[in-house]
Protein backbone atom coordinates (compact mmCIF):
# COMPACT_ATOMS: atom_id res chain seq x y z
CA UNK A 1 12.72 -27.43 -0.52
CA UNK A 2 15.17 -24.62 0.16
CA UNK A 3 18.77 -25.63 0.70
CA UNK A 4 20.94 -24.19 3.33
CA UNK A 5 22.94 -22.09 0.81
CA UNK A 6 19.71 -20.74 -0.77
CA UNK A 7 18.36 -19.81 2.68
CA UNK A 8 21.63 -17.95 3.40
CA UNK A 9 21.34 -15.96 0.14
CA UNK A 10 17.67 -15.13 0.78
CA UNK A 11 18.48 -13.99 4.28
CA UNK A 12 21.22 -11.78 2.94
CA UNK A 13 18.86 -10.17 0.47
CA UNK A 14 16.28 -9.67 3.16
CA UNK A 15 18.88 -8.17 5.48
CA UNK A 16 20.15 -5.67 2.94
CA UNK A 17 16.66 -4.70 1.63
CA UNK A 18 15.19 -4.20 5.25
CA UNK A 19 18.27 -2.28 6.25
CA UNK A 20 18.09 0.07 3.27
CA UNK A 21 14.42 0.63 3.90
CA UNK A 22 15.07 1.43 7.58
CA UNK A 23 17.89 3.82 6.57
CA UNK A 24 15.66 5.52 3.98
CA UNK A 25 12.85 5.83 6.46
CA UNK A 26 15.00 7.47 9.09
CA UNK A 27 16.56 10.20 6.98
CA UNK A 28 13.53 12.55 6.61
CA UNK A 29 12.51 11.89 10.15
CA UNK A 30 16.10 12.85 11.47
CA UNK A 31 16.07 16.03 9.37
CA UNK A 32 12.56 17.01 10.51
CA UNK A 33 12.14 15.74 14.03
CA UNK A 34 9.33 18.24 14.91
CA UNK A 35 7.19 17.13 11.96
CA UNK A 36 7.82 13.48 12.93
CA UNK A 37 6.72 14.16 16.52
CA UNK A 38 3.57 15.72 15.36
CA UNK A 39 2.90 12.61 13.14
CA UNK A 40 3.44 10.44 16.27
CA UNK A 41 1.15 12.76 18.30
CA UNK A 42 -1.67 12.36 15.69
CA UNK A 43 -1.97 8.66 16.69
CA UNK A 44 -3.24 9.94 20.12
CA UNK A 45 -1.71 6.95 22.04
CA UNK A 46 1.34 8.46 23.80
CA UNK A 47 1.20 10.92 26.73
CA UNK A 48 1.88 14.53 25.89
CA UNK A 49 5.58 15.27 25.60
CA UNK A 50 6.58 11.65 25.07
CA UNK A 51 6.00 12.04 21.24
CA UNK A 52 8.95 14.57 21.19
CA UNK A 53 11.28 12.09 22.77
CA UNK A 54 10.07 9.33 20.29
CA UNK A 55 10.47 11.84 17.45
CA UNK A 56 14.19 12.07 18.25
CA UNK A 57 15.01 8.55 19.34
CA UNK A 58 13.05 6.33 16.93
CA UNK A 59 14.60 7.73 13.71
CA UNK A 60 18.12 7.34 15.17
CA UNK A 61 17.24 3.80 16.27
CA UNK A 62 16.00 3.08 12.63
CA UNK A 63 19.14 4.50 11.18
CA UNK A 64 21.42 2.41 13.60
CA UNK A 65 19.50 -0.87 13.08
CA UNK A 66 19.39 -0.31 9.27
CA UNK A 67 23.09 0.32 9.08
CA UNK A 68 23.83 -2.75 11.26
CA UNK A 69 21.67 -4.92 9.01
CA UNK A 70 23.32 -3.63 5.79
CA UNK A 71 26.83 -4.02 7.27
CA UNK A 72 26.27 -7.29 8.95
CA UNK A 73 27.00 -6.00 12.43
CA UNK A 74 25.27 -7.73 15.39
CA UNK A 75 22.65 -9.29 13.17
CA UNK A 76 20.64 -11.09 15.76
CA UNK A 77 20.11 -8.12 17.96
CA UNK A 78 19.42 -5.90 14.94
CA UNK A 79 16.92 -8.23 13.50
CA UNK A 80 15.13 -8.56 16.88
CA UNK A 81 14.94 -4.85 17.18
CA UNK A 82 13.73 -4.47 13.62
CA UNK A 83 11.01 -7.12 14.25
CA UNK A 84 10.03 -5.25 17.48
CA UNK A 85 9.83 -1.93 15.74
CA UNK A 86 7.63 -3.48 12.99
CA UNK A 87 5.33 -5.05 15.60
CA UNK A 88 4.99 -1.66 17.24
CA UNK A 89 4.29 -0.02 13.91
CA UNK A 90 1.68 -2.59 13.02
CA UNK A 91 -0.18 -2.13 16.32
CA UNK A 92 -0.16 1.69 15.98
CA UNK A 93 -1.31 1.55 12.35
CA UNK A 94 -3.94 -1.02 13.20
CA UNK A 95 -5.35 0.89 16.14
CA UNK A 96 -5.51 4.17 14.07
CA UNK A 97 -7.26 2.31 11.30
CA UNK A 98 -9.76 0.70 13.67
CA UNK A 99 -10.49 4.06 15.35
CA UNK A 100 -11.04 5.69 12.04
CA UNK A 101 -8.22 8.25 12.37
CA UNK A 102 -7.35 9.56 8.95
CA UNK A 103 -3.71 10.76 9.27
CA UNK A 104 -0.41 10.61 7.59
CA UNK A 105 1.32 7.53 8.92
CA UNK A 106 4.68 9.21 9.27
CA UNK A 107 6.35 6.13 7.88
CA UNK A 108 8.78 7.62 5.29
CA UNK A 109 8.20 11.32 4.59
CA UNK A 110 6.92 13.60 7.26
CA UNK A 111 7.21 17.09 5.81
CA UNK A 112 4.15 18.73 4.24
CA UNK A 113 5.64 18.95 0.78
CA UNK A 114 6.68 15.33 0.94
CA UNK A 115 3.69 13.99 2.82
CA UNK A 116 3.70 10.25 3.16
CA UNK A 117 0.88 7.89 2.88
CA UNK A 118 -2.30 7.81 4.93
CA UNK A 119 -2.81 5.08 7.52
CA UNK A 120 -4.28 2.03 5.76
CA UNK A 121 -4.21 -1.68 5.27
CA UNK A 122 -1.44 -1.33 2.64
CA UNK A 123 1.00 0.05 5.26
CA UNK A 124 0.09 -2.75 7.75
CA UNK A 125 0.75 -5.44 5.02
CA UNK A 126 4.02 -3.76 4.22
CA UNK A 127 5.09 -3.67 7.77
CA UNK A 128 4.11 -7.46 8.11
CA UNK A 129 6.31 -8.21 5.13
CA UNK A 130 9.14 -6.20 6.73
CA UNK A 131 8.67 -8.20 10.01
CA UNK A 132 8.85 -11.38 8.03
CA UNK A 133 12.12 -10.24 6.58
CA UNK A 134 13.46 -9.57 10.05
CA UNK A 135 12.44 -13.12 11.09
CA UNK A 136 14.18 -14.53 7.94
CA UNK A 137 17.35 -12.77 9.05
CA UNK A 138 16.94 -14.33 12.47
CA UNK A 139 16.55 -17.80 11.04
CA UNK A 140 19.34 -17.49 8.45
CA UNK A 141 21.22 -20.60 9.49
CA UNK A 142 24.78 -19.99 8.33
CA UNK A 143 26.61 -16.99 9.75
CA UNK A 144 28.04 -15.69 6.47
CA UNK A 145 28.75 -12.14 5.45
CA UNK A 146 28.74 -10.79 9.10
CA UNK A 147 31.25 -8.58 10.75
CA UNK A 148 30.48 -9.56 14.36
CA UNK A 149 28.68 -12.87 14.26
CA UNK A 150 27.35 -14.50 17.43
CA UNK A 151 29.78 -17.33 18.45
């Protein structure tokens, strides 16, 4: 059985790892928004033009949520947003996989010379693990190592 203190430490590790992953994933997308918008457009699920807005907003949201997770700022909201993003990513990857669309997922690297991984079951499993980490942060129990804990 996991004690309360162990759960708190595991939640801290999940929080920091997930935050660093989100920050890392956002950097190349922020630097190359046009390429990221193309990667989003390749999924063929958003109306034309909306992928441009998502190409700008989503990486900034990833950076903001990742920073909040690492620093311990508004953890409940950050974890909920992270879990929601992972759910959307899982749905997008799953529908592309089911439809047989062979594209770069746009998960981490979006430029041609740094092309990321193709859509596949491995990416879906990774996002499920990341979602589990977000839920671990939500169910952390003790409110330690937080700058703005919920009172």
